[in-house]
Amino acid sequence: MARETIVGPGPYESCIPAAGTRLSLAQQATPRPAAGGAYSGALMDMQTTQKLTGAIPLLGRYQIDPGGSSVTFRTRHLFGLAPVRGRFAFRGGTVDVTEPLTGARVNAEIESGSFHTGNRQRDTAVRSAQFLAAGEHPVVAFSSEGLDGPVLNGTLTVRGESRPVSVHIEVTGVDPRWFTARATVRIDRYDFGVTASRGLAGRYLDITMEVRCVRS
């Protein structure tokens, strides 16, 4: 859950995905119709003035499916000249779809040791104490504090450092038993104390999470 990883040949550094984590609803509710109007379902009966951007999952608690979810990121290294792409793995989490939807809750965890870019030297360096300290802090955690339209506000914790983050979410599929969502966020690794290789390694990490949530 934090931002950024970088590097080319030689020691590299990186950040973590946010949390990202864990995103769930990328929705907003539809305004109430004029007097006498009817809602096309109980879930539409939510008091909010924002326009719904897609179908809303059924109310209740969902479990994040690690095997059906992914966390990918992109950043730059070598003074911003070379792109770096990689991924993390979800450990798990929960999503509570509530009424009103603004009270929806998300708690998600990402394995910091799952950092992978395909470059063994870089990956080992980023997992080390100099960057993510995966041995001492194996989890990057995200806990939401409220849904404001398509933005899920919450707290991301990386290496024991907690900072506020805002994740943009969008529901991409809905079924009575599950739903899928996409979440995006840009993280500044400096905010979490990951400051090694300033200049050489990129400062920002752009994270995309594809999350599958299954009803408990």
Protein backbone atom coordinates (compact mmCIF):
# COMPACT_ATOMS: atom_id res chain seq x y z
CA MET A 1 0.00 0.00 0.00
CA ALA A 2 2.36 2.83 -0.48
CA ARG A 3 3.93 4.20 -3.38
CA GLU A 4 6.77 3.58 -5.49
CA THR A 5 9.46 1.38 -6.44
CA ILE A 6 12.24 2.01 -8.62
CA VAL A 7 15.44 1.22 -10.01
CA GLY A 8 17.49 -0.28 -12.63
CA PRO A 9 20.77 -2.01 -12.19
CA GLY A 10 22.19 -1.72 -8.71
CA PRO A 11 20.34 -1.18 -5.42
CA TYR A 12 16.75 -0.35 -5.88
CA GLU A 13 13.99 0.94 -3.80
CA SER A 14 10.34 0.95 -3.85
CA CYS A 15 7.13 1.63 -2.28
CA ILE A 16 4.02 -0.21 -1.63
CA PRO A 17 0.60 -0.40 -2.88
CA ALA A 18 -1.99 1.17 -1.02
CA ALA A 19 -4.28 0.03 -0.55
CA GLY A 20 -5.19 -0.08 -1.58
CA THR A 21 -6.12 -1.19 -0.60
CA ARG A 22 -9.14 -2.83 -0.77
CA LEU A 23 -11.76 -1.16 -2.66
CA SER A 24 -14.99 -2.18 -3.30
CA LEU A 25 -17.62 0.03 -4.38
CA ALA A 26 -17.11 2.50 -6.96
CA GLN A 27 -20.52 3.78 -6.71
CA GLN A 28 -22.67 6.57 -5.82
CA ALA A 29 -26.37 6.48 -5.23
CA THR A 30 -29.01 7.98 -7.43
CA PRO A 31 -31.00 10.99 -6.33
CA ARG A 32 -34.55 10.30 -5.17
CA PRO A 33 -37.07 10.68 -7.97
CA ALA A 34 -39.69 13.39 -7.81
CA ALA A 35 -42.66 12.85 -5.53
CA GLY A 36 -44.58 9.78 -6.60
CA GLY A 37 -41.56 8.22 -8.28
CA ALA A 38 -40.46 4.66 -7.46
CA TYR A 39 -37.10 3.01 -6.96
CA SER A 40 -36.20 -0.05 -8.98
CA GLY A 41 -35.04 -1.97 -5.95
CA ALA A 42 -34.36 -1.60 -2.25
CA LEU A 43 -30.71 -0.83 -2.90
CA MET A 44 -31.66 2.26 -4.84
CA ASP A 45 -33.42 3.63 -1.79
CA MET A 46 -30.32 5.38 -0.50
CA GLN A 47 -30.36 8.98 0.55
CA THR A 48 -27.59 10.64 -1.34
CA THR A 49 -27.54 13.33 -3.96
CA GLN A 50 -24.92 11.82 -6.18
CA LYS A 51 -25.56 9.96 -9.35
CA LEU A 52 -25.05 6.20 -9.50
CA THR A 53 -22.26 5.20 -11.88
CA GLY A 54 -23.13 1.49 -12.07
CA ALA A 55 -24.93 -1.40 -10.42
CA ILE A 56 -24.74 -1.64 -6.63
CA PRO A 57 -23.85 -4.97 -4.92
CA LEU A 58 -26.34 -6.48 -2.49
CA LEU A 59 -26.02 -5.28 1.08
CA GLY A 60 -23.87 -7.36 3.42
CA ARG A 61 -20.33 -8.47 4.12
CA TYR A 62 -17.99 -9.75 1.41
CA GLN A 63 -14.59 -11.44 1.62
CA ILE A 64 -11.82 -10.33 -0.73
CA ASP A 65 -10.76 -13.32 -2.85
CA PRO A 66 -6.91 -13.20 -3.02
CA GLY A 67 -6.81 -15.67 -5.91
CA GLY A 68 -9.28 -13.65 -7.97
CA SER A 69 -7.74 -10.25 -7.19
CA SER A 70 -4.57 -8.47 -8.25
CA VAL A 71 -2.44 -5.43 -7.40
CA THR A 72 -0.26 -3.98 -10.15
CA PHE A 73 1.84 -0.84 -10.16
CA ARG A 74 4.00 1.32 -12.37
CA THR A 75 6.73 3.79 -11.54
CA ARG A 76 10.02 5.01 -13.00
CA HIS A 77 13.72 4.73 -12.16
CA LEU A 78 17.08 5.95 -13.47
CA PHE A 79 16.12 9.57 -12.81
CA GLY A 80 12.68 9.05 -14.32
CA LEU A 81 13.95 7.80 -17.68
CA ALA A 82 12.98 4.13 -17.44
CA PRO A 83 9.53 2.67 -16.61
CA VAL A 84 9.14 -0.09 -14.01
CA ARG A 85 6.08 -2.30 -13.72
CA GLY A 86 5.34 -4.92 -11.10
CA ARG A 87 2.81 -6.49 -8.79
CA PHE A 88 1.89 -7.38 -5.22
CA ALA A 89 -0.44 -10.07 -3.88
CA PHE A 90 -3.49 -9.67 -1.69
CA ARG A 91 -3.51 -11.45 1.67
CA GLY A 92 -7.24 -10.92 2.19
CA GLY A 93 -9.78 -8.52 3.61
CA THR A 94 -13.45 -7.65 3.97
CA VAL A 95 -15.91 -5.28 2.32
CA ASP A 96 -19.17 -4.20 3.97
CA VAL A 97 -21.83 -2.85 1.60
CA THR A 98 -24.18 -0.70 3.65
CA GLU A 99 -27.18 1.57 3.39
CA PRO A 100 -26.56 4.39 2.96
CA LEU A 101 -23.71 3.48 0.67
CA THR A 102 -21.56 6.27 2.07
CA GLY A 103 -21.05 4.10 5.18
CA ALA A 104 -19.48 1.21 3.22
CA ARG A 105 -16.35 -0.18 4.89
CA VAL A 106 -13.23 -1.80 3.45
CA ASN A 107 -10.35 -3.48 5.24
CA ALA A 108 -7.65 -4.97 3.04
CA GLU A 109 -4.19 -6.46 3.43
CA ILE A 110 -1.39 -6.86 0.87
CA GLU A 111 1.72 -9.02 1.29
CA SER A 112 4.70 -6.64 1.27
CA GLY A 113 7.03 -9.57 0.56
CA SER A 114 5.15 -10.32 -2.67
CA PHE A 115 6.74 -7.29 -4.38
CA HIS A 116 7.78 -8.50 -7.83
CA THR A 117 9.12 -6.75 -10.93
CA GLY A 118 10.98 -9.61 -12.57
CA ASN A 119 14.37 -8.20 -11.59
CA ARG A 120 15.77 -10.35 -8.75
CA GLN A 121 18.30 -7.78 -7.55
CA ARG A 122 15.71 -5.00 -7.44
CA ASP A 123 13.05 -7.18 -5.82
CA THR A 124 15.40 -8.33 -3.07
CA ALA A 125 16.50 -4.76 -2.36
CA VAL A 126 12.92 -3.45 -2.19
CA ARG A 127 11.86 -6.16 0.26
CA SER A 128 14.84 -5.38 2.49
CA ALA A 129 14.94 -3.16 5.59
CA GLN A 130 16.12 -0.25 3.43
CA PHE A 131 12.73 -0.09 1.72
CA LEU A 132 9.63 -2.16 2.55
CA ALA A 133 11.19 -4.10 5.43
CA ALA A 134 8.99 -7.07 4.54
CA GLY A 135 10.51 -9.25 7.25
CA GLU A 136 9.52 -6.88 10.04
CA HIS A 137 6.38 -5.48 8.39
CA PRO A 138 4.89 -8.28 6.27
CA VAL A 139 1.57 -6.53 5.65
CA VAL A 140 0.53 -3.33 3.95
CA ALA A 141 -2.92 -2.51 5.33
CA PHE A 142 -5.77 -0.26 4.22
CA SER A 143 -8.80 0.67 6.32
CA SER A 144 -11.54 2.88 4.87
CA GLU A 145 -13.22 5.76 6.66
CA GLY A 146 -16.06 6.50 4.25
CA LEU A 147 -17.22 6.57 0.64
CA ASP A 148 -17.60 9.97 -1.02
CA GLY A 149 -19.00 9.38 -4.49
CA PRO A 150 -16.43 7.27 -6.35
CA VAL A 151 -13.72 8.07 -3.80
CA LEU A 152 -12.97 5.79 -0.86
CA ASN A 153 -11.13 7.69 1.85
CA GLY A 154 -9.09 5.78 4.39
CA THR A 155 -5.76 5.06 6.04
CA LEU A 156 -2.85 3.18 4.50
CA THR A 157 -0.18 1.65 6.75
CA VAL A 158 3.25 0.81 5.38
CA ARG A 159 6.26 -0.09 7.51
CA GLY A 160 4.29 0.94 10.58
CA GLU A 161 3.64 4.43 9.14
CA SER A 162 -0.05 5.33 8.67
CA ARG A 163 -1.17 8.09 6.31
CA PRO A 164 -4.53 9.17 4.80
CA VAL A 165 -5.16 8.16 1.19
CA SER A 166 -8.04 8.54 -1.26
CA VAL A 167 -8.74 5.65 -3.62
CA HIS A 168 -10.86 6.05 -6.74
CA ILE A 169 -13.10 3.01 -7.20
CA GLU A 170 -15.44 1.65 -9.85
CA VAL A 171 -17.70 -1.42 -9.63
CA THR A 172 -17.08 -3.48 -12.77
CA GLY A 173 -19.38 -6.48 -12.23
CA VAL A 174 -22.24 -7.50 -9.93
CA ASP A 175 -23.83 -10.85 -9.12
CA PRO A 176 -26.01 -11.93 -6.16
CA ARG A 177 -22.99 -13.86 -4.79
CA TRP A 178 -20.10 -11.55 -5.65
CA PHE A 179 -18.99 -8.31 -7.25
CA THR A 180 -15.78 -7.04 -8.82
CA ALA A 181 -14.25 -3.58 -8.60
CA ARG A 182 -11.28 -1.63 -9.89
CA ALA A 183 -9.41 0.79 -7.64
CA THR A 184 -6.65 3.24 -8.51
CA VAL A 185 -4.43 5.42 -6.35
CA ARG A 186 -1.14 7.29 -6.57
CA ILE A 187 1.12 6.95 -3.55
CA ASP A 188 4.09 9.05 -2.49
CA ARG A 189 6.61 6.68 -0.91
CA TYR A 190 8.24 9.54 0.99
CA ASP A 191 5.05 9.85 3.05
CA PHE A 192 5.79 6.42 4.52
CA GLY A 193 9.47 6.92 5.23
CA VAL A 194 10.62 5.05 2.11
CA THR A 195 13.16 7.66 1.05
CA ALA A 196 16.20 5.71 -0.10
CA SER A 197 17.65 6.38 -3.56
CA ARG A 198 16.17 9.83 -3.86
CA GLY A 199 16.41 11.06 -7.41
CA LEU A 200 17.58 7.74 -8.85
CA ALA A 201 14.40 5.89 -7.92
CA GLY A 202 10.96 7.29 -8.62
CA ARG A 203 9.02 8.89 -5.82
CA TYR A 204 5.48 8.03 -6.92
CA LEU A 205 3.79 4.68 -7.37
CA ASP A 206 0.63 4.40 -9.49
CA ILE A 207 -1.38 1.43 -8.27
CA THR A 208 -4.30 -0.41 -9.87
CA MET A 209 -6.24 -3.06 -7.96
CA GLU A 210 -8.70 -5.47 -9.54
CA VAL A 211 -10.69 -6.93 -6.65
CA ARG A 212 -13.16 -9.83 -6.52
CA CYS A 213 -15.40 -9.84 -3.44
CA VAL A 214 -17.47 -12.88 -2.44
CA ARG A 215 -20.44 -12.82 -0.07
CA SER A 216 -19.68 -14.29 3.37
